[in-house]
Amino acid sequence: MLTYTSTQVSPTLATRLRSMPKVEIHVHLEGAIDAQTVYSMAQRNQVTLPVASFEEWKSFYQFRDFPHFIEVYRAASQCMQTPEDFAEMAEQFLKNQSQQNIRYSEAYFSPALHHGKLSNDELLDALAVGAATGEDKYGSRVRFIADISREFSELQSQVLDFALKGQEKGIVIGFGIGGPETGYPPENYTETFAKARSQGLRVVAHAGETEGPPSIWGALNSLQAERIGHGVRCLEDAVLVETLRQKQTPLEVSPQSNYCLSIVSPDQPHPIRQMLDAGLYCTLNSDDPPMFSTDLNNEYLTLAGQEFSWEELWQLNLNTLEATFLGEGEKNLYRAEWQAFLQNL
């Protein structure tokens, strides 16, 4: 979709943005797989899709509106059935990330969407195989954030069990909530998040996207979320903005997603400029790239087209690295790589 631009991006800046080493901390594994891969899974698993051909499926995959996006997401998730599917999904994800020079990702995965398909061990082992194979082949790494799909709140304890098992296996690094905000306030998940924190899981929450400041307040106060997924509607509450500024809570901003879902009007610049001017800690991410016809490179180019300088975009890249849940030793390795890139410009 066409979104607001105010300047031409120079070829030099575009090349620099594509080639710089990156990390990404707000991207959904199920929403990051291309239409062709999902269609192949549907065929081999004999899953009936709401289309008659691959061409129709490609068209169906394109973003129309939020209800259709949810329909596509659920249809795609139904196609993923076997351990081989989940291993392929993780490997394919890392191939796509490596092509953008994304060195490390923290990807959301929604176990509730796959409830009853496989045991926790089968699912986690398949993701681990795909992640290891992808890292060996493409040099990009991923750790997962087990995500409660809000509309399946009755499964939240099962999602926590999955996350804790994944933490033991070294593949799950965090615990979160996603899915539709409306009707599913953060307060519904307080107890489960407290258990997750007590077991050493890092905690995040989608908030302040389709719902306003109360959703973010709930994520901060009830869930004690360490990062906020999206969070762009914090600007509607000056006290909340000041709280987020003082705490320096990382906000996982995904501009093209916000444009597609009409959180931001396509004829307006993205409010990340206002957020940064207010001293908020912003990171840049792609959310569900093929479903929003984007990728992380395009998110940087989107802001470049809205008069963000190289220095500002590089700082967003640094912010995203620092906001990861990696330990200091691992961060130091990436910091050195980032510095080497900068010195070689």
Protein backbone atom coordinates (compact mmCIF):
# COMPACT_ATOMS: atom_id res chain seq x y z
CA MET A 1 0.00 0.00 0.00
CA LEU A 2 1.13 3.58 -0.61
CA THR A 3 2.00 5.45 2.56
CA TYR A 4 3.08 8.97 3.35
CA THR A 5 6.43 10.09 1.96
CA SER A 6 7.93 13.55 1.96
CA THR A 7 11.34 12.98 0.40
CA GLN A 8 13.16 10.77 -2.09
CA VAL A 9 15.50 8.27 -0.46
CA SER A 10 19.00 8.56 -1.89
CA PRO A 11 20.47 5.37 -3.41
CA THR A 12 23.41 5.66 -0.99
CA LEU A 13 21.14 5.73 2.06
CA ALA A 14 18.97 2.91 0.72
CA THR A 15 22.04 0.72 0.13
CA ARG A 16 23.38 1.51 3.58
CA LEU A 17 20.07 0.62 5.27
CA ARG A 18 19.82 -2.69 3.41
CA SER A 19 23.40 -3.69 4.20
CA MET A 20 23.62 -2.69 7.86
CA PRO A 21 23.47 -5.54 10.42
CA LYS A 22 20.12 -5.55 12.20
CA VAL A 23 18.05 -7.26 14.86
CA GLU A 24 14.27 -7.55 15.02
CA ILE A 25 12.17 -8.01 18.16
CA HIS A 26 8.56 -7.77 16.94
CA VAL A 27 7.86 -10.26 14.18
CA HIS A 28 5.38 -13.16 14.28
CA LEU A 29 6.68 -16.50 13.06
CA GLU A 30 3.32 -17.61 11.62
CA GLY A 31 2.84 -14.19 10.01
CA ALA A 32 6.33 -14.10 8.49
CA ILE A 33 5.92 -17.11 6.18
CA ASP A 34 5.23 -16.45 2.51
CA ALA A 35 2.05 -17.48 0.72
CA GLN A 36 3.79 -20.15 -1.39
CA THR A 37 5.21 -22.02 1.62
CA VAL A 38 1.86 -21.97 3.42
CA TYR A 39 0.02 -23.14 0.29
CA SER A 40 2.44 -26.07 -0.06
CA MET A 41 1.78 -27.05 3.56
CA ALA A 42 -1.98 -26.93 2.95
CA GLN A 43 -1.65 -29.23 -0.06
CA ARG A 44 0.48 -31.86 1.62
CA ASN A 45 -1.63 -31.77 4.81
CA GLN A 46 -4.90 -31.79 2.87
CA VAL A 47 -6.11 -28.60 4.56
CA THR A 48 -9.03 -26.98 2.76
CA LEU A 49 -8.38 -23.32 2.01
CA PRO A 50 -11.07 -20.72 1.17
CA VAL A 51 -9.72 -20.49 -2.40
CA ALA A 52 -9.54 -22.72 -5.48
CA SER A 53 -5.98 -22.09 -6.69
CA PHE A 54 -2.56 -20.75 -5.70
CA GLU A 55 -3.22 -17.56 -7.66
CA GLU A 56 -6.37 -16.99 -5.61
CA TRP A 57 -4.46 -17.78 -2.41
CA LYS A 58 -1.80 -15.17 -3.28
CA SER A 59 -4.58 -12.64 -3.79
CA PHE A 60 -6.31 -13.76 -0.58
CA TYR A 61 -3.00 -13.31 1.31
CA GLN A 62 -2.89 -9.60 0.44
CA PHE A 63 -3.99 -7.22 3.17
CA ARG A 64 -7.55 -5.82 2.88
CA ASP A 65 -8.67 -4.90 6.40
CA PHE A 66 -8.22 -6.10 9.99
CA PRO A 67 -10.98 -8.78 9.99
CA HIS A 68 -9.61 -10.20 6.73
CA PHE A 69 -6.07 -10.14 8.14
CA ILE A 70 -7.25 -12.25 11.12
CA GLU A 71 -8.98 -14.63 8.68
CA VAL A 72 -5.77 -15.03 6.65
CA TYR A 73 -3.67 -15.50 9.78
CA ARG A 74 -5.91 -18.24 11.13
CA ALA A 75 -6.20 -19.96 7.75
CA ALA A 76 -2.41 -19.93 7.38
CA SER A 77 -1.92 -21.26 10.91
CA GLN A 78 -4.26 -24.20 10.18
CA CYS A 79 -1.94 -25.29 7.36
CA MET A 80 0.89 -25.92 9.82
CA GLN A 81 0.30 -29.44 11.10
CA THR A 82 3.41 -31.62 11.35
CA PRO A 83 6.84 -31.35 13.00
CA GLU A 84 8.29 -30.96 9.50
CA ASP A 85 6.04 -27.94 8.89
CA PHE A 86 7.22 -26.15 12.02
CA ALA A 87 10.88 -26.97 11.34
CA GLU A 88 10.49 -25.68 7.77
CA MET A 89 8.79 -22.54 9.04
CA ALA A 90 11.66 -21.69 11.42
CA GLU A 91 14.31 -22.43 8.79
CA GLN A 92 12.50 -20.42 6.11
CA PHE A 93 12.10 -17.54 8.57
CA LEU A 94 15.86 -17.39 9.12
CA LYS A 95 16.52 -17.53 5.39
CA ASN A 96 14.28 -14.49 4.90
CA GLN A 97 15.85 -12.67 7.86
CA SER A 98 19.39 -13.35 6.64
CA GLN A 99 18.56 -11.88 3.22
CA GLN A 100 18.00 -8.55 5.01
CA ASN A 101 21.14 -8.98 7.13
CA ILE A 102 19.03 -9.45 10.26
CA ARG A 103 21.51 -11.17 12.51
CA TYR A 104 19.19 -12.03 15.40
CA SER A 105 15.42 -12.07 15.95
CA GLU A 106 13.06 -12.49 18.85
CA ALA A 107 9.98 -13.89 17.13
CA TYR A 108 6.50 -14.30 18.54
CA PHE A 109 4.98 -17.77 18.31
CA SER A 110 1.36 -18.50 19.28
CA PRO A 111 0.97 -22.03 20.71
CA ALA A 112 -2.79 -21.60 21.18
CA LEU A 113 -3.23 -21.44 17.40
CA HIS A 114 -1.76 -24.95 17.22
CA HIS A 115 -3.44 -26.43 20.29
CA GLY A 116 -4.01 -30.17 19.95
CA LYS A 117 -1.81 -30.67 16.87
CA LEU A 118 1.39 -31.83 18.59
CA SER A 119 2.74 -32.21 22.12
CA ASN A 120 4.81 -29.35 23.57
CA ASP A 121 7.97 -31.44 23.18
CA GLU A 122 7.22 -32.27 19.53
CA LEU A 123 6.47 -28.65 18.70
CA LEU A 124 9.47 -27.23 20.52
CA ASP A 125 11.85 -29.85 19.14
CA ALA A 126 10.64 -29.08 15.60
CA LEU A 127 11.18 -25.34 16.11
CA ALA A 128 14.61 -26.06 17.59
CA VAL A 129 15.60 -28.20 14.58
CA GLY A 130 14.45 -25.49 12.15
CA ALA A 131 16.20 -22.75 14.11
CA ALA A 132 19.47 -24.72 14.29
CA THR A 133 19.36 -25.67 10.60
CA GLY A 134 18.56 -22.09 9.60
CA GLU A 135 21.37 -20.70 11.73
CA ASP A 136 23.86 -23.18 10.24
CA LYS A 137 22.76 -22.41 6.69
CA TYR A 138 22.18 -18.67 6.85
CA GLY A 139 24.01 -17.32 9.91
CA SER A 140 20.93 -15.66 11.40
CA ARG A 141 19.62 -16.64 14.86
CA VAL A 142 16.16 -16.70 16.47
CA ARG A 143 14.72 -17.15 19.94
CA PHE A 144 10.98 -17.30 20.52
CA ILE A 145 8.48 -15.43 22.65
CA ALA A 146 5.53 -17.69 23.48
CA ASP A 147 2.50 -15.53 22.89
CA ILE A 148 -0.98 -15.94 24.44
CA SER A 149 -3.54 -15.27 21.71
CA ARG A 150 -5.90 -13.07 23.72
CA GLU A 151 -9.03 -14.65 22.23
CA PHE A 152 -7.92 -18.00 23.68
CA SER A 153 -7.47 -16.76 27.23
CA GLU A 154 -8.66 -20.12 28.55
CA LEU A 155 -5.41 -21.61 27.19
CA GLN A 156 -3.07 -19.19 28.94
CA SER A 157 -1.78 -21.74 31.48
CA GLN A 158 -1.04 -24.18 28.63
CA VAL A 159 0.88 -21.43 26.80
CA LEU A 160 2.88 -20.80 29.98
CA ASP A 161 3.67 -24.54 30.22
CA PHE A 162 4.90 -24.40 26.59
CA ALA A 163 7.05 -21.34 27.35
CA LEU A 164 8.63 -22.91 30.42
CA LYS A 165 9.38 -26.12 28.55
CA GLY A 166 10.90 -24.03 25.75
CA GLN A 167 12.96 -22.09 28.26
CA GLU A 168 14.40 -25.40 29.53
CA LYS A 169 15.32 -26.31 25.95
CA GLY A 170 16.98 -22.93 25.42
CA ILE A 171 14.73 -21.85 22.55
CA VAL A 172 12.04 -19.72 24.28
CA ILE A 173 13.28 -16.48 25.80
CA GLY A 174 10.06 -14.69 26.68
CA PHE A 175 6.32 -14.70 27.29
CA GLY A 176 3.72 -12.33 25.88
CA ILE A 177 0.16 -11.60 24.79
CA GLY A 178 -1.01 -10.72 21.29
CA GLY A 179 -4.13 -10.90 19.17
CA PRO A 180 -7.16 -8.60 19.36
CA GLU A 181 -6.93 -6.09 22.21
CA THR A 182 -10.61 -5.10 22.23
CA GLY A 183 -12.49 -7.09 24.86
CA TYR A 184 -9.35 -8.77 26.24
CA PRO A 185 -7.67 -6.33 28.67
CA PRO A 186 -4.21 -7.11 30.08
CA GLU A 187 -5.64 -7.47 33.58
CA ASN A 188 -7.10 -10.86 32.50
CA TYR A 189 -3.56 -12.28 32.37
CA THR A 190 -2.05 -10.85 35.58
CA GLU A 191 -1.65 -14.14 37.44
CA THR A 192 -0.14 -16.01 34.50
CA PHE A 193 2.38 -13.23 33.88
CA ALA A 194 3.36 -13.23 37.55
CA LYS A 195 4.09 -16.96 37.29
CA ALA A 196 6.10 -16.42 34.09
CA ARG A 197 8.21 -13.70 35.72
CA SER A 198 8.80 -15.82 38.81
CA GLN A 199 10.21 -18.56 36.55
CA GLY A 200 12.67 -16.19 34.87
CA LEU A 201 10.83 -15.59 31.60
CA ARG A 202 11.10 -12.10 30.12
CA VAL A 203 7.67 -10.55 29.60
CA VAL A 204 6.22 -8.38 26.84
CA ALA A 205 2.71 -7.34 25.78
CA HIS A 206 0.99 -6.05 22.66
CA ALA A 207 -0.79 -2.89 23.78
CA GLY A 208 -1.73 0.56 22.53
CA GLU A 209 -2.45 -0.49 18.96
CA THR A 210 -6.20 -1.00 18.37
CA GLU A 211 -6.88 0.08 21.98
CA GLY A 212 -5.65 3.27 23.62
CA PRO A 213 -3.68 4.21 26.75
CA PRO A 214 -5.63 2.01 29.25
CA SER A 215 -4.27 -1.05 27.44
CA ILE A 216 -0.70 0.18 27.88
CA TRP A 217 -1.27 1.12 31.53
CA GLY A 218 -2.59 -2.41 32.11
CA ALA A 219 0.44 -3.95 30.43
CA LEU A 220 2.79 -1.89 32.59
CA ASN A 221 0.97 -2.10 35.94
CA SER A 222 -0.73 -5.52 35.89
CA LEU A 223 1.70 -7.49 33.71
CA GLN A 224 4.90 -5.53 34.46
CA ALA A 225 5.74 -5.82 30.76
CA GLU A 226 9.38 -5.06 29.96
CA ARG A 227 8.58 -4.08 26.37
CA ILE A 228 5.39 -2.91 24.68
CA GLY A 229 4.38 -4.29 21.29
CA HIS A 230 3.33 -1.29 19.16
CA GLY A 231 2.37 1.27 21.85
CA VAL A 232 1.83 4.08 19.34
CA ARG A 233 -1.38 5.25 21.00
CA CYS A 234 0.52 6.23 24.14
CA LEU A 235 0.57 9.72 22.61
CA GLU A 236 -3.08 10.12 23.63
CA ASP A 237 -2.05 10.34 27.32
CA ALA A 238 0.62 12.84 28.40
CA VAL A 239 1.08 11.19 31.81
CA LEU A 240 1.63 7.81 30.12
CA VAL A 241 4.16 9.35 27.72
CA GLU A 242 6.07 10.77 30.67
CA THR A 243 5.95 7.41 32.48
CA LEU A 244 7.27 5.57 29.41
CA ARG A 245 9.97 8.22 28.97
CA GLN A 246 11.14 7.95 32.57
CA LYS A 247 11.12 4.13 32.54
CA GLN A 248 12.64 4.01 29.02
CA THR A 249 10.34 1.09 28.24
CA PRO A 250 11.16 -0.14 24.72
CA LEU A 251 8.29 0.24 22.26
CA GLU A 252 8.21 -2.25 19.37
CA VAL A 253 7.04 0.02 16.53
CA SER A 254 5.93 -1.40 13.15
CA PRO A 255 4.99 1.46 10.80
CA GLN A 256 3.61 -0.46 7.80
CA SER A 257 1.45 -2.60 10.09
CA ASN A 258 0.04 0.58 11.64
CA TYR A 259 -0.73 2.01 8.20
CA CYS A 260 -2.40 -1.19 6.99
CA LEU A 261 -4.57 -1.51 10.10
CA SER A 262 -5.53 2.20 9.87
CA ILE A 263 -3.98 2.93 13.26
CA VAL A 264 -2.22 5.67 11.27
CA SER A 265 -3.78 7.32 8.21
CA PRO A 266 -1.73 6.61 5.04
CA ASP A 267 -1.65 10.32 4.21
CA GLN A 268 0.03 11.19 7.52
CA PRO A 269 3.64 10.77 8.68
CA HIS A 270 4.07 7.98 11.20
CA PRO A 271 3.88 9.17 14.85
CA ILE A 272 7.23 7.54 15.65
CA ARG A 273 8.68 11.01 15.00
CA GLN A 274 6.54 12.48 17.80
CA MET A 275 7.39 9.53 20.03
CA LEU A 276 11.13 10.03 19.59
CA ASP A 277 10.80 13.79 20.03
CA ALA A 278 9.06 13.04 23.36
CA GLY A 279 12.10 11.04 24.49
CA LEU A 280 10.49 7.60 24.12
CA TYR A 281 12.56 4.46 23.51
CA CYS A 282 11.50 3.22 20.06
CA THR A 283 12.61 0.19 18.07
CA LEU A 284 11.76 -0.66 14.46
CA ASN A 285 10.10 -3.92 13.34
CA SER A 286 7.99 -5.51 10.59
CA ASP A 287 5.26 -7.44 12.52
CA ASP A 288 3.80 -9.79 9.84
CA PRO A 289 5.91 -8.95 6.78
CA PRO A 290 4.32 -10.84 3.82
CA MET A 291 0.81 -10.17 5.09
CA PHE A 292 1.55 -6.42 5.16
CA SER A 293 3.69 -6.46 1.98
CA THR A 294 6.75 -5.29 3.87
CA ASP A 295 10.00 -6.40 5.51
CA LEU A 296 12.40 -4.78 7.96
CA ASN A 297 14.41 -3.10 5.19
CA ASN A 298 11.20 -1.51 3.94
CA GLU A 299 10.37 -0.23 7.43
CA TYR A 300 13.69 1.64 7.52
CA LEU A 301 13.11 2.93 3.98
CA THR A 302 9.61 4.08 4.99
CA LEU A 303 11.09 6.31 7.68
CA ALA A 304 13.88 7.45 5.38
CA GLY A 305 11.11 8.62 3.05
CA GLN A 306 9.72 10.64 5.96
CA GLU A 307 12.96 12.62 6.37
CA PHE A 308 14.63 10.47 9.02
CA SER A 309 18.40 10.89 8.73
CA TRP A 310 20.95 8.09 8.56
CA GLU A 311 22.02 8.93 12.12
CA GLU A 312 18.44 8.64 13.40
CA LEU A 313 17.84 5.35 11.60
CA TRP A 314 21.13 3.93 12.85
CA GLN A 315 20.11 4.92 16.40
CA LEU A 316 16.83 3.01 15.97
CA ASN A 317 18.89 -0.01 14.93
CA LEU A 318 21.08 0.39 18.04
CA ASN A 319 17.95 0.78 20.18
CA THR A 320 16.56 -2.50 18.87
CA LEU A 321 19.77 -4.36 19.66
CA GLU A 322 19.86 -2.98 23.20
CA ALA A 323 16.17 -3.87 23.75
CA THR A 324 16.72 -7.58 23.05
CA PHE A 325 16.60 -10.06 25.91
CA LEU A 326 20.12 -11.30 25.14
CA GLY A 327 22.72 -11.39 27.89
CA GLU A 328 25.51 -8.82 27.92
CA GLY A 329 28.08 -11.27 26.53
CA GLU A 330 25.98 -11.97 23.44
CA LYS A 331 25.08 -8.30 23.04
CA ASN A 332 28.76 -7.41 23.12
CA LEU A 333 29.43 -9.64 20.11
CA TYR A 334 26.74 -7.84 18.13
CA ARG A 335 27.85 -4.42 19.39
CA ALA A 336 31.32 -5.16 18.01
CA GLU A 337 29.83 -6.18 14.65
CA TRP A 338 27.72 -3.00 14.55
CA GLN A 339 30.79 -0.86 15.31
CA ALA A 340 32.85 -2.59 12.63
CA PHE A 341 30.11 -1.87 10.08
CA LEU A 342 30.04 1.79 11.09
CA GLN A 343 33.82 2.14 10.84
CA ASN A 344 33.87 0.57 7.40
CA LEU A 345 31.35 2.97 5.88
